[in-house]
């Protein structure tokens, strides 16, 4: 056997052996995982409320009859327990945070230490139980429609002067419309907003969303 061929086979064999020896970590066991103690504490609390634990989006998610109730999220500066319908919670303790400027339904409880999680255990459980009852009742968060948002002037100008564009934009789903509105409005300068309108025009005419 030629030396080069032997070298290639040996390299492949070594690579295969290394791959076989690697341990595939779950998102919770990843060496770079943040807030391990806080995560475990929140998991224990969520399980104590009779919810089913699943992994969704690489995160521990707790469901009731297949419906999402809460999700554990880890960030650089805090760990959060996100309630999918948090906007409906009474939040008597005023502990909930909004999730971004445009997210309407979810809310977060945020923590930086396991001591915070432990001290608030009864409150966290009460919030989860309330979220469960809301889900059982069929309650839904009333979301603002795309027409209720103020359109960036540059987008409005395009809609007013281009009938084909206006028709295509109106045919988009409400979620896709809002995606474009938020992304265009996020630019601070008018020239940038106008540039984004032109950039997204082909996608809008094709009936696609901003991330399609």
N, C-alpha and C. Protein backbone atom coordinates (compact mmCIF):
# COMPACT_ATOMS: atom_id res chain seq x y z
N UNK A 1 0.85 -1.21 0.00
CA UNK A 1 0.00 0.00 0.00
C UNK A 1 0.88 1.25 0.00
N UNK A 2 0.62 2.21 -0.89
CA UNK A 2 1.42 3.44 -0.94
C UNK A 2 1.40 4.16 0.40
N UNK A 3 2.49 4.84 0.68
CA UNK A 3 2.61 5.53 1.97
C UNK A 3 1.56 6.58 2.16
N UNK A 4 1.23 7.35 1.08
CA UNK A 4 0.24 8.42 1.19
C UNK A 4 -1.13 7.86 1.54
N UNK A 5 -1.48 6.72 0.91
CA UNK A 5 -2.77 6.09 1.20
C UNK A 5 -2.84 5.65 2.65
N UNK A 6 -1.74 5.07 3.14
CA UNK A 6 -1.69 4.61 4.53
C UNK A 6 -1.86 5.78 5.48
N UNK A 7 -1.23 6.91 5.12
CA UNK A 7 -1.33 8.09 5.98
C UNK A 7 -2.75 8.61 6.04
N UNK A 8 -3.43 8.62 4.85
CA UNK A 8 -4.82 9.08 4.82
C UNK A 8 -5.71 8.19 5.67
N UNK A 9 -5.55 6.87 5.55
CA UNK A 9 -6.36 5.93 6.32
C UNK A 9 -6.12 6.10 7.81
N UNK A 10 -4.83 6.27 8.15
CA UNK A 10 -4.48 6.43 9.56
C UNK A 10 -5.11 7.69 10.12
N UNK A 11 -5.09 8.77 9.31
CA UNK A 11 -5.68 10.03 9.75
C UNK A 11 -7.17 9.90 9.97
N UNK A 12 -7.86 9.23 9.03
CA UNK A 12 -9.29 9.02 9.14
C UNK A 12 -9.63 8.18 10.36
N UNK A 13 -8.79 7.14 10.60
CA UNK A 13 -9.02 6.26 11.74
C UNK A 13 -8.89 7.03 13.04
N UNK A 14 -7.84 7.87 13.11
CA UNK A 14 -7.62 8.65 14.32
C UNK A 14 -8.76 9.63 14.55
N UNK A 15 -9.20 10.29 13.46
CA UNK A 15 -10.32 11.24 13.57
C UNK A 15 -11.58 10.54 14.03
N UNK A 16 -11.85 9.36 13.46
CA UNK A 16 -13.04 8.60 13.83
C UNK A 16 -13.00 8.21 15.30
N UNK A 17 -11.80 7.81 15.77
CA UNK A 17 -11.66 7.41 17.16
C UNK A 17 -11.93 8.58 18.09
N UNK A 18 -11.41 9.78 17.69
CA UNK A 18 -11.64 10.95 18.52
C UNK A 18 -13.11 11.30 18.57
N UNK A 19 -13.78 11.21 17.41
CA UNK A 19 -15.21 11.52 17.33
C UNK A 19 -16.02 10.57 18.18
N UNK A 20 -15.66 9.27 18.09
CA UNK A 20 -16.39 8.26 18.86
C UNK A 20 -16.22 8.46 20.35
N UNK A 21 -15.05 9.04 20.74
CA UNK A 21 -14.79 9.21 22.16
C UNK A 21 -15.39 10.45 22.75
N UNK A 22 -15.90 11.34 21.90
CA UNK A 22 -16.49 12.58 22.39
C UNK A 22 -17.84 12.34 23.04
N UNK A 23 -18.10 13.07 24.10
CA UNK A 23 -19.39 12.98 24.77
C UNK A 23 -20.27 14.11 24.27
N UNK A 24 -21.46 13.79 23.79
CA UNK A 24 -22.38 14.82 23.32
C UNK A 24 -23.12 15.38 24.53
N UNK A 25 -22.88 16.65 24.81
CA UNK A 25 -23.51 17.28 25.96
C UNK A 25 -24.91 17.77 25.61
N UNK A 26 -25.82 17.62 26.53
CA UNK A 26 -27.11 18.28 26.36
C UNK A 26 -26.88 19.75 26.63
N UNK A 27 -27.80 20.63 26.22
CA UNK A 27 -27.61 22.06 26.47
C UNK A 27 -27.39 22.38 27.94
N UNK A 28 -27.93 21.56 28.84
CA UNK A 28 -27.76 21.83 30.26
C UNK A 28 -26.41 21.36 30.78
N UNK A 29 -25.77 20.44 30.06
CA UNK A 29 -24.51 19.87 30.53
C UNK A 29 -23.31 20.46 29.82
N UNK A 30 -23.55 21.39 28.90
CA UNK A 30 -22.47 21.97 28.12
C UNK A 30 -21.47 22.65 29.05
N UNK A 31 -20.17 22.44 28.83
CA UNK A 31 -19.15 23.03 29.71
C UNK A 31 -19.26 24.54 29.86
N UNK A 32 -19.82 25.24 28.85
CA UNK A 32 -19.93 26.70 28.92
C UNK A 32 -21.26 27.13 29.52
N UNK A 33 -22.04 26.18 29.98
CA UNK A 33 -23.36 26.48 30.53
C UNK A 33 -23.26 27.45 31.70
N UNK A 34 -24.08 28.49 31.66
CA UNK A 34 -24.10 29.48 32.73
C UNK A 34 -25.20 29.18 33.75
N UNK A 35 -24.99 29.62 34.96
CA UNK A 35 -25.98 29.50 36.03
C UNK A 35 -26.46 28.06 36.26
N UNK A 36 -25.58 27.12 36.47
CA UNK A 36 -26.02 25.73 36.67
C UNK A 36 -26.86 25.53 37.92
N UNK A 37 -26.47 26.15 39.03
CA UNK A 37 -27.23 25.97 40.27
C UNK A 37 -28.60 26.64 40.18
N UNK A 38 -28.63 27.81 39.58
CA UNK A 38 -29.89 28.52 39.41
C UNK A 38 -30.83 27.74 38.49
N UNK A 39 -30.25 27.15 37.44
CA UNK A 39 -31.05 26.35 36.51
C UNK A 39 -31.68 25.17 37.22
N UNK A 40 -30.89 24.47 38.00
CA UNK A 40 -31.39 23.31 38.74
C UNK A 40 -32.50 23.72 39.70
N UNK A 41 -32.33 24.85 40.36
CA UNK A 41 -33.33 25.31 41.32
C UNK A 41 -34.65 25.63 40.61
N UNK A 42 -34.55 26.29 39.45
CA UNK A 42 -35.76 26.63 38.70
C UNK A 42 -36.42 25.38 38.12
N UNK A 43 -35.61 24.41 37.70
CA UNK A 43 -36.16 23.15 37.20
C UNK A 43 -36.95 22.44 38.28
N UNK A 44 -36.39 22.41 39.47
CA UNK A 44 -37.06 21.73 40.59
C UNK A 44 -38.40 22.41 40.90
N UNK A 45 -38.41 23.73 40.86
CA UNK A 45 -39.64 24.47 41.15
C UNK A 45 -40.69 24.19 40.08
N UNK A 46 -40.28 24.23 38.82
CA UNK A 46 -41.22 24.00 37.72
C UNK A 46 -41.80 22.58 37.79
N UNK A 47 -40.95 21.61 38.09
CA UNK A 47 -41.43 20.22 38.20
C UNK A 47 -42.41 20.07 39.35
N UNK A 48 -42.18 20.83 40.42
CA UNK A 48 -43.05 20.71 41.60
C UNK A 48 -44.46 21.21 41.30
N UNK A 49 -44.61 21.92 40.18
CA UNK A 49 -45.93 22.46 39.83
C UNK A 49 -46.68 21.54 38.87
N UNK A 50 -46.17 20.32 38.69
CA UNK A 50 -46.87 19.33 37.88
C UNK A 50 -46.72 19.50 36.39
N UNK A 51 -45.70 20.25 35.95
CA UNK A 51 -45.50 20.46 34.53
C UNK A 51 -44.57 19.41 33.92
N UNK A 52 -44.67 19.22 32.63
CA UNK A 52 -43.83 18.27 31.91
C UNK A 52 -42.60 18.98 31.38
N UNK A 53 -41.45 18.40 31.63
CA UNK A 53 -40.19 19.01 31.19
C UNK A 53 -39.82 18.52 29.80
N UNK A 54 -39.53 19.45 28.91
CA UNK A 54 -39.08 19.13 27.55
C UNK A 54 -37.92 20.05 27.21
N UNK A 55 -37.16 19.69 26.17
CA UNK A 55 -36.12 20.59 25.67
C UNK A 55 -36.63 21.22 24.38
N UNK A 56 -36.78 22.54 24.38
CA UNK A 56 -37.21 23.26 23.19
C UNK A 56 -36.27 24.44 22.98
N UNK A 57 -35.85 24.63 21.73
CA UNK A 57 -34.91 25.70 21.40
C UNK A 57 -33.63 25.58 22.23
N UNK A 58 -33.29 24.36 22.61
CA UNK A 58 -32.10 24.13 23.41
C UNK A 58 -32.22 24.58 24.84
N UNK A 59 -33.46 24.78 25.31
CA UNK A 59 -33.69 25.26 26.67
C UNK A 59 -34.73 24.41 27.37
N UNK A 60 -34.67 24.33 28.72
CA UNK A 60 -35.69 23.58 29.46
C UNK A 60 -37.03 24.31 29.37
N UNK A 61 -38.02 23.62 28.84
CA UNK A 61 -39.36 24.18 28.66
C UNK A 61 -40.35 23.32 29.43
N UNK A 62 -41.32 23.95 30.05
CA UNK A 62 -42.29 23.22 30.88
C UNK A 62 -43.69 23.43 30.31
N UNK A 63 -44.35 22.32 30.07
CA UNK A 63 -45.62 22.35 29.34
C UNK A 63 -46.74 21.70 30.14
N UNK A 64 -47.97 22.03 29.72
CA UNK A 64 -49.18 21.44 30.28
C UNK A 64 -50.01 20.94 29.11
N UNK A 65 -50.15 19.63 28.98
CA UNK A 65 -50.90 19.03 27.87
C UNK A 65 -50.41 19.56 26.53
N UNK A 66 -49.09 19.68 26.42
CA UNK A 66 -48.50 20.12 25.16
C UNK A 66 -48.43 21.61 24.96
N UNK A 67 -48.99 22.39 25.89
CA UNK A 67 -48.97 23.84 25.78
C UNK A 67 -47.82 24.42 26.60
N UNK A 68 -47.06 25.33 26.00
CA UNK A 68 -45.92 25.93 26.69
C UNK A 68 -46.39 26.84 27.82
N UNK A 69 -45.78 26.65 28.99
CA UNK A 69 -46.11 27.49 30.15
C UNK A 69 -44.93 28.39 30.51
N UNK A 70 -43.77 27.78 30.78
CA UNK A 70 -42.58 28.56 31.13
C UNK A 70 -41.35 27.98 30.44
N UNK A 71 -40.33 28.82 30.31
CA UNK A 71 -39.08 28.45 29.66
C UNK A 71 -37.93 29.05 30.46
N UNK A 72 -36.88 28.26 30.68
CA UNK A 72 -35.70 28.77 31.38
C UNK A 72 -34.73 29.32 30.34
N UNK A 73 -34.35 30.58 30.51
CA UNK A 73 -33.44 31.25 29.57
C UNK A 73 -32.20 31.74 30.31
N UNK A 74 -31.04 31.56 29.70
CA UNK A 74 -29.79 31.99 30.32
C UNK A 74 -29.15 33.09 29.49
N UNK A 75 -28.82 34.19 30.14
CA UNK A 75 -28.18 35.32 29.48
C UNK A 75 -26.87 35.65 30.19
N UNK A 76 -26.12 36.59 29.66
CA UNK A 76 -24.84 36.92 30.27
C UNK A 76 -24.98 37.47 31.68
N UNK A 77 -26.02 38.28 31.89
CA UNK A 77 -26.13 38.98 33.17
C UNK A 77 -27.21 38.44 34.10
N UNK A 78 -28.00 37.50 33.63
CA UNK A 78 -29.05 36.94 34.48
C UNK A 78 -29.61 35.66 33.86
N UNK A 79 -30.33 34.93 34.68
CA UNK A 79 -31.10 33.78 34.22
C UNK A 79 -32.57 34.13 34.39
N UNK A 80 -33.40 33.68 33.47
CA UNK A 80 -34.81 34.07 33.51
C UNK A 80 -35.74 32.87 33.42
N UNK A 81 -36.87 33.02 34.06
CA UNK A 81 -37.98 32.08 33.88
C UNK A 81 -39.02 32.86 33.08
N UNK A 82 -39.19 32.48 31.81
CA UNK A 82 -40.09 33.21 30.94
C UNK A 82 -41.47 32.56 30.90
N UNK A 83 -42.49 33.37 31.13
CA UNK A 83 -43.88 32.93 31.05
C UNK A 83 -44.42 33.30 29.67
N UNK A 84 -44.87 32.28 28.93
CA UNK A 84 -45.31 32.51 27.57
C UNK A 84 -46.51 33.47 27.49
N UNK A 85 -47.38 33.42 28.49
CA UNK A 85 -48.52 34.33 28.54
C UNK A 85 -48.41 35.25 29.76
N UNK A 86 -47.19 35.70 30.01
CA UNK A 86 -46.93 36.51 31.20
C UNK A 86 -47.71 37.80 31.27
N UNK A 87 -48.11 38.33 30.12
CA UNK A 87 -48.87 39.58 30.11
C UNK A 87 -50.21 39.43 30.82
N UNK A 88 -50.69 38.20 30.97
CA UNK A 88 -51.98 37.96 31.62
C UNK A 88 -51.85 37.78 33.13
N UNK A 89 -50.64 37.61 33.62
CA UNK A 89 -50.45 37.40 35.06
C UNK A 89 -50.70 38.70 35.82
N UNK A 90 -51.24 38.56 37.03
CA UNK A 90 -51.55 39.75 37.83
C UNK A 90 -50.28 40.45 38.34
N UNK A 91 -49.23 39.67 38.59
CA UNK A 91 -47.94 40.22 39.01
C UNK A 91 -48.09 41.16 40.20
N UNK A 92 -48.70 40.67 41.26
CA UNK A 92 -48.91 41.51 42.45
C UNK A 92 -47.61 41.99 43.06
N UNK A 93 -46.53 41.19 42.90
CA UNK A 93 -45.25 41.55 43.49
C UNK A 93 -44.44 42.50 42.60
N UNK A 94 -44.94 42.76 41.38
CA UNK A 94 -44.25 43.64 40.43
C UNK A 94 -42.83 43.15 40.13
N UNK A 95 -42.73 41.87 39.81
CA UNK A 95 -41.44 41.25 39.56
C UNK A 95 -41.17 40.96 38.09
N UNK A 96 -42.19 41.04 37.27
CA UNK A 96 -42.05 40.63 35.87
C UNK A 96 -41.43 41.73 35.00
N UNK A 97 -40.62 41.27 34.05
CA UNK A 97 -39.98 42.15 33.08
C UNK A 97 -40.53 41.86 31.69
N UNK A 98 -40.67 42.88 30.88
CA UNK A 98 -41.04 42.69 29.48
C UNK A 98 -39.85 42.07 28.75
N UNK A 99 -40.14 41.36 27.67
CA UNK A 99 -39.09 40.71 26.88
C UNK A 99 -38.94 41.49 25.58
N UNK A 100 -38.04 42.45 25.55
CA UNK A 100 -37.85 43.24 24.35
C UNK A 100 -38.94 44.28 24.17
N UNK A 101 -38.73 45.16 23.21
CA UNK A 101 -39.64 46.27 23.00
C UNK A 101 -40.95 45.85 22.33
N UNK A 102 -40.88 44.81 21.48
CA UNK A 102 -42.03 44.48 20.66
C UNK A 102 -42.73 43.17 21.04
N UNK A 103 -42.16 42.40 21.95
CA UNK A 103 -42.79 41.15 22.37
C UNK A 103 -43.96 41.48 23.29
N UNK A 104 -45.15 41.05 22.94
CA UNK A 104 -46.34 41.46 23.68
C UNK A 104 -46.76 40.48 24.78
N UNK A 105 -46.68 39.20 24.52
CA UNK A 105 -47.22 38.21 25.46
C UNK A 105 -46.25 37.78 26.56
N UNK A 106 -45.00 37.46 26.28
CA UNK A 106 -44.14 36.89 27.32
C UNK A 106 -43.66 37.91 28.35
N UNK A 107 -43.37 37.39 29.54
CA UNK A 107 -42.77 38.17 30.62
C UNK A 107 -41.75 37.28 31.32
N UNK A 108 -40.77 37.90 31.97
CA UNK A 108 -39.71 37.15 32.64
C UNK A 108 -39.61 37.48 34.12
N UNK A 109 -39.29 36.44 34.90
CA UNK A 109 -38.75 36.62 36.25
C UNK A 109 -37.25 36.48 36.08
N UNK A 110 -36.46 37.40 36.61
CA UNK A 110 -35.02 37.38 36.42
C UNK A 110 -34.27 37.20 37.73
N UNK A 111 -33.17 36.44 37.64
CA UNK A 111 -32.37 36.12 38.83
C UNK A 111 -30.89 36.17 38.48
N UNK A 112 -30.06 36.44 39.49
CA UNK A 112 -28.62 36.42 39.29
C UNK A 112 -27.91 35.46 40.24
N UNK A 113 -28.63 35.01 41.28
CA UNK A 113 -28.04 34.06 42.23
C UNK A 113 -29.05 32.99 42.60
N UNK A 114 -28.53 31.85 43.05
CA UNK A 114 -29.42 30.77 43.46
C UNK A 114 -30.18 31.17 44.73
N UNK A 115 -29.58 32.04 45.53
CA UNK A 115 -30.25 32.51 46.75
C UNK A 115 -31.53 33.26 46.40
N UNK A 116 -31.50 34.05 45.34
CA UNK A 116 -32.70 34.76 44.91
C UNK A 116 -33.79 33.78 44.51
N UNK A 117 -33.41 32.75 43.77
CA UNK A 117 -34.39 31.74 43.34
C UNK A 117 -34.99 31.05 44.56
N UNK A 118 -34.15 30.65 45.47
CA UNK A 118 -34.60 29.92 46.65
C UNK A 118 -35.53 30.77 47.52
N UNK A 119 -35.15 32.03 47.72
CA UNK A 119 -35.96 32.90 48.60
C UNK A 119 -37.32 33.21 47.99
N UNK A 120 -37.40 33.18 46.66
CA UNK A 120 -38.65 33.50 45.97
C UNK A 120 -39.43 32.25 45.54
N UNK A 121 -39.03 31.10 46.03
CA UNK A 121 -39.67 29.85 45.61
C UNK A 121 -41.20 29.89 45.73
N UNK A 122 -41.76 30.28 46.87
CA UNK A 122 -43.24 30.31 46.98
C UNK A 122 -43.88 31.25 45.96
N UNK A 123 -43.24 32.39 45.72
CA UNK A 123 -43.77 33.34 44.75
C UNK A 123 -43.70 32.79 43.34
N UNK A 124 -42.57 32.16 43.00
CA UNK A 124 -42.40 31.57 41.67
C UNK A 124 -43.46 30.50 41.45
N UNK A 125 -43.67 29.66 42.46
CA UNK A 125 -44.69 28.61 42.35
C UNK A 125 -46.08 29.22 42.16
N UNK A 126 -46.36 30.30 42.88
CA UNK A 126 -47.67 30.96 42.75
C UNK A 126 -47.86 31.51 41.34
N UNK A 127 -46.81 32.09 40.77
CA UNK A 127 -46.89 32.62 39.41
C UNK A 127 -47.11 31.49 38.41
N UNK A 128 -46.42 30.37 38.61
CA UNK A 128 -46.58 29.23 37.70
C UNK A 128 -47.98 28.66 37.80
N UNK A 129 -48.48 28.51 39.02
CA UNK A 129 -49.85 27.98 39.20
C UNK A 129 -50.88 28.90 38.54
N UNK A 130 -50.67 30.20 38.64
CA UNK A 130 -51.57 31.14 37.99
C UNK A 130 -51.51 30.98 36.47
N UNK A 131 -50.28 30.80 35.94
CA UNK A 131 -50.11 30.61 34.51
C UNK A 131 -50.79 29.33 34.04
N UNK A 132 -50.73 28.29 34.86
CA UNK A 132 -51.38 27.01 34.54
C UNK A 132 -52.89 27.19 34.47
N UNK A 133 -53.45 27.89 35.45
CA UNK A 133 -54.90 28.11 35.46
C UNK A 133 -55.35 28.95 34.26
N UNK A 134 -54.53 29.91 33.89
CA UNK A 134 -54.85 30.72 32.72
C UNK A 134 -54.87 29.86 31.46
N UNK A 135 -53.92 28.94 31.36
CA UNK A 135 -53.86 28.06 30.19
C UNK A 135 -55.07 27.13 30.18
N UNK A 136 -55.44 26.61 31.34
CA UNK A 136 -56.60 25.72 31.41
C UNK A 136 -57.90 26.45 31.05
N UNK A 137 -57.94 27.73 31.35
CA UNK A 137 -59.16 28.50 31.07
C UNK A 137 -59.27 28.90 29.61
N UNK A 138 -58.18 28.70 28.87
CA UNK A 138 -58.19 29.07 27.46
C UNK A 138 -57.91 30.55 27.22
N UNK A 139 -57.47 31.25 28.24
CA UNK A 139 -57.21 32.69 28.11
C UNK A 139 -56.11 32.95 27.08
N UNK A 140 -56.27 34.02 26.32
CA UNK A 140 -55.30 34.38 25.29
C UNK A 140 -54.90 35.84 25.44
N UNK A 141 -53.67 36.13 25.09
CA UNK A 141 -53.19 37.51 25.12
C UNK A 141 -53.70 38.20 23.86
N UNK A 142 -54.36 39.33 24.02
CA UNK A 142 -54.82 40.09 22.86
C UNK A 142 -53.64 40.86 22.28
N UNK A 143 -53.24 40.45 21.09
CA UNK A 143 -52.08 41.06 20.45
C UNK A 143 -52.49 42.22 19.56
N UNK A 144 -51.65 43.23 19.54
CA UNK A 144 -51.90 44.36 18.65
C UNK A 144 -51.73 43.91 17.21
N UNK A 145 -52.61 44.36 16.33
CA UNK A 145 -52.48 44.03 14.92
C UNK A 145 -51.46 44.96 14.29
N UNK A 146 -50.99 44.59 13.11
CA UNK A 146 -49.99 45.40 12.43
C UNK A 146 -50.52 46.82 12.16
N UNK A 147 -51.82 46.94 11.93
CA UNK A 147 -52.41 48.25 11.61
C UNK A 147 -52.41 49.20 12.81
N UNK A 148 -52.21 48.65 14.02
CA UNK A 148 -52.21 49.48 15.22
C UNK A 148 -50.84 50.11 15.49
N UNK A 149 -49.81 49.67 14.75
CA UNK A 149 -48.48 50.24 14.93
C UNK A 149 -48.29 51.43 13.99
N UNK A 150 -47.58 52.42 14.46
CA UNK A 150 -47.27 53.58 13.62
C UNK A 150 -46.23 53.18 12.59
N UNK A 151 -46.52 53.40 11.34
CA UNK A 151 -45.59 53.03 10.27
C UNK A 151 -44.47 54.06 10.16
N UNK A 152 -43.25 53.60 9.92
CA UNK A 152 -42.17 54.56 9.63
C UNK A 152 -42.55 55.39 8.41
N UNK A 153 -42.23 56.66 8.42
CA UNK A 153 -42.62 57.56 7.32
C UNK A 153 -42.11 57.06 5.97
N UNK A 154 -40.94 56.46 5.97
CA UNK A 154 -40.34 55.98 4.73
C UNK A 154 -41.12 54.79 4.16
N UNK A 155 -41.63 53.93 5.04
CA UNK A 155 -42.45 52.82 4.59
C UNK A 155 -43.81 53.32 4.12
N UNK A 156 -44.36 54.27 4.85
CA UNK A 156 -45.65 54.84 4.46
C UNK A 156 -45.56 55.51 3.09
N UNK A 157 -44.45 56.18 2.83
CA UNK A 157 -44.26 56.85 1.54
C UNK A 157 -44.24 55.83 0.40
N UNK A 158 -43.58 54.71 0.65
CA UNK A 158 -43.52 53.66 -0.37
C UNK A 158 -44.91 53.07 -0.61
N UNK A 159 -45.66 52.88 0.43
CA UNK A 159 -47.02 52.34 0.30
C UNK A 159 -47.93 53.31 -0.44
N UNK A 160 -47.70 54.60 -0.24
CA UNK A 160 -48.57 55.61 -0.84
C UNK A 160 -48.28 55.84 -2.32
N UNK A 161 -47.06 55.52 -2.74
CA UNK A 161 -46.66 55.83 -4.12
C UNK A 161 -46.49 54.61 -5.01
N UNK A 162 -46.54 53.42 -4.42
CA UNK A 162 -46.32 52.20 -5.22
C UNK A 162 -47.48 51.23 -4.99
N UNK A 163 -48.49 51.22 -5.85
CA UNK A 163 -49.68 50.37 -5.68
C UNK A 163 -49.33 48.88 -5.60
N UNK A 164 -48.36 48.45 -6.40
CA UNK A 164 -47.98 47.02 -6.39
C UNK A 164 -47.38 46.64 -5.04
N UNK A 165 -46.53 47.53 -4.54
CA UNK A 165 -45.91 47.30 -3.24
C UNK A 165 -46.97 47.29 -2.14
N UNK A 166 -47.90 48.22 -2.21
CA UNK A 166 -48.97 48.30 -1.21
C UNK A 166 -49.81 47.03 -1.19
N UNK A 167 -50.14 46.52 -2.36
CA UNK A 167 -50.93 45.30 -2.46
C UNK A 167 -50.16 44.11 -1.88
N UNK A 168 -48.88 44.02 -2.20
CA UNK A 168 -48.05 42.91 -1.71
C UNK A 168 -47.89 42.98 -0.19
N UNK A 169 -47.69 44.18 0.34
CA UNK A 169 -47.52 44.34 1.79
C UNK A 169 -48.81 43.96 2.52
N UNK A 170 -49.96 44.37 1.95
CA UNK A 170 -51.26 44.06 2.58
C UNK A 170 -51.53 42.57 2.57
N UNK A 171 -50.95 41.85 1.61
CA UNK A 171 -51.18 40.41 1.50
C UNK A 171 -50.33 39.60 2.48
N UNK A 172 -49.34 40.24 3.08
CA UNK A 172 -48.49 39.53 4.04
C UNK A 172 -49.27 39.22 5.32
N UNK A 173 -48.84 38.19 6.04
CA UNK A 173 -49.45 37.90 7.33
C UNK A 173 -49.12 39.04 8.29
N UNK A 174 -49.92 39.17 9.34
CA UNK A 174 -49.69 40.23 10.32
C UNK A 174 -48.29 40.14 10.93
N UNK A 175 -47.85 38.91 11.18
CA UNK A 175 -46.52 38.72 11.77
C UNK A 175 -45.41 39.20 10.85
N UNK A 176 -45.55 38.92 9.55
CA UNK A 176 -44.54 39.37 8.60
C UNK A 176 -44.56 40.89 8.45
N UNK A 177 -45.76 41.46 8.45
CA UNK A 177 -45.85 42.92 8.38
C UNK A 177 -45.14 43.57 9.56
N UNK A 178 -45.40 43.04 10.75
CA UNK A 178 -44.78 43.61 11.95
C UNK A 178 -43.27 43.45 11.91
N UNK A 179 -42.79 42.34 11.36
CA UNK A 179 -41.36 42.13 11.25
C UNK A 179 -40.70 43.24 10.45
N UNK A 180 -41.31 43.59 9.33
CA UNK A 180 -40.77 44.66 8.49
C UNK A 180 -40.89 46.02 9.18
N UNK A 181 -42.04 46.26 9.80
CA UNK A 181 -42.24 47.54 10.49
C UNK A 181 -41.18 47.74 11.56
N UNK A 182 -40.96 46.72 12.39
CA UNK A 182 -40.00 46.84 13.50
C UNK A 182 -38.58 47.04 12.97
N UNK A 183 -38.22 46.26 11.96
CA UNK A 183 -36.86 46.32 11.45
C UNK A 183 -36.56 47.66 10.78
N UNK A 184 -37.51 48.18 10.04
CA UNK A 184 -37.32 49.47 9.38
C UNK A 184 -37.31 50.60 10.41
N UNK A 185 -38.22 50.53 11.35
CA UNK A 185 -38.32 51.58 12.37
C UNK A 185 -37.11 51.61 13.31
N UNK A 186 -36.40 50.49 13.41
CA UNK A 186 -35.26 50.40 14.33
C UNK A 186 -34.09 51.29 13.91
N UNK A 187 -34.03 51.63 12.63
CA UNK A 187 -32.95 52.49 12.14
C UNK A 187 -33.16 53.93 12.64
N UNK A 188 -32.10 54.57 13.09
CA UNK A 188 -32.22 55.91 13.66
C UNK A 188 -32.30 57.00 12.59
N UNK A 189 -31.62 56.77 11.47
CA UNK A 189 -31.58 57.79 10.43
C UNK A 189 -32.60 57.50 9.34
N UNK A 190 -33.20 58.59 8.82
CA UNK A 190 -34.19 58.45 7.77
C UNK A 190 -33.62 57.78 6.53
N UNK A 191 -32.38 58.13 6.20
CA UNK A 191 -31.75 57.54 5.01
C UNK A 191 -31.60 56.03 5.16
N UNK A 192 -31.30 55.59 6.37
CA UNK A 192 -31.16 54.15 6.62
C UNK A 192 -32.51 53.46 6.54
N UNK A 193 -33.54 54.12 7.08
CA UNK A 193 -34.88 53.53 7.01
C UNK A 193 -35.33 53.40 5.55
N UNK A 194 -35.06 54.44 4.75
CA UNK A 194 -35.43 54.40 3.33
C UNK A 194 -34.66 53.31 2.61
N UNK A 195 -33.39 53.16 2.98
CA UNK A 195 -32.57 52.12 2.36
C UNK A 195 -33.11 50.73 2.69
N UNK A 196 -33.58 50.56 3.92
CA UNK A 196 -34.13 49.26 4.30
C UNK A 196 -35.43 48.97 3.56
N UNK A 197 -36.24 49.99 3.34
CA UNK A 197 -37.47 49.80 2.57
C UNK A 197 -37.14 49.25 1.19
N UNK A 198 -36.15 49.85 0.54
CA UNK A 198 -35.76 49.39 -0.80
C UNK A 198 -35.13 48.01 -0.75
N UNK A 199 -34.36 47.77 0.28
CA UNK A 199 -33.71 46.46 0.43
C UNK A 199 -34.73 45.34 0.55
N UNK A 200 -35.81 45.60 1.30
CA UNK A 200 -36.81 44.56 1.56
C UNK A 200 -37.90 44.48 0.50
N UNK A 201 -37.93 45.45 -0.41
CA UNK A 201 -38.99 45.47 -1.42
C UNK A 201 -39.10 44.18 -2.22
N UNK A 202 -38.00 43.61 -2.74
CA UNK A 202 -38.12 42.35 -3.50
C UNK A 202 -38.73 41.21 -2.68
N UNK A 203 -38.37 41.13 -1.39
CA UNK A 203 -38.92 40.08 -0.53
C UNK A 203 -40.42 40.28 -0.31
N UNK A 204 -40.80 41.53 -0.10
CA UNK A 204 -42.23 41.84 0.12
C UNK A 204 -43.04 41.53 -1.13
N UNK A 205 -42.51 41.91 -2.28
CA UNK A 205 -43.21 41.62 -3.54
C UNK A 205 -43.33 40.12 -3.78
N UNK A 206 -42.38 39.36 -3.23
CA UNK A 206 -42.40 37.90 -3.39
C UNK A 206 -43.25 37.22 -2.34
N UNK A 207 -43.84 38.04 -1.42
CA UNK A 207 -44.71 37.47 -0.38
C UNK A 207 -43.94 36.82 0.75
N UNK A 208 -42.68 37.19 0.93
CA UNK A 208 -41.85 36.56 1.95
C UNK A 208 -41.70 37.45 3.18
N UNK A 209 -41.41 36.80 4.32
CA UNK A 209 -41.15 37.53 5.53
C UNK A 209 -39.69 37.96 5.57
N UNK A 210 -39.35 38.75 6.57
CA UNK A 210 -38.01 39.32 6.65
C UNK A 210 -36.92 38.26 6.83
N UNK A 211 -37.27 37.13 7.43
CA UNK A 211 -36.29 36.06 7.67
C UNK A 211 -36.48 34.85 6.77
N UNK A 212 -37.35 34.94 5.79
CA UNK A 212 -37.61 33.81 4.87
C UNK A 212 -36.47 33.66 3.87
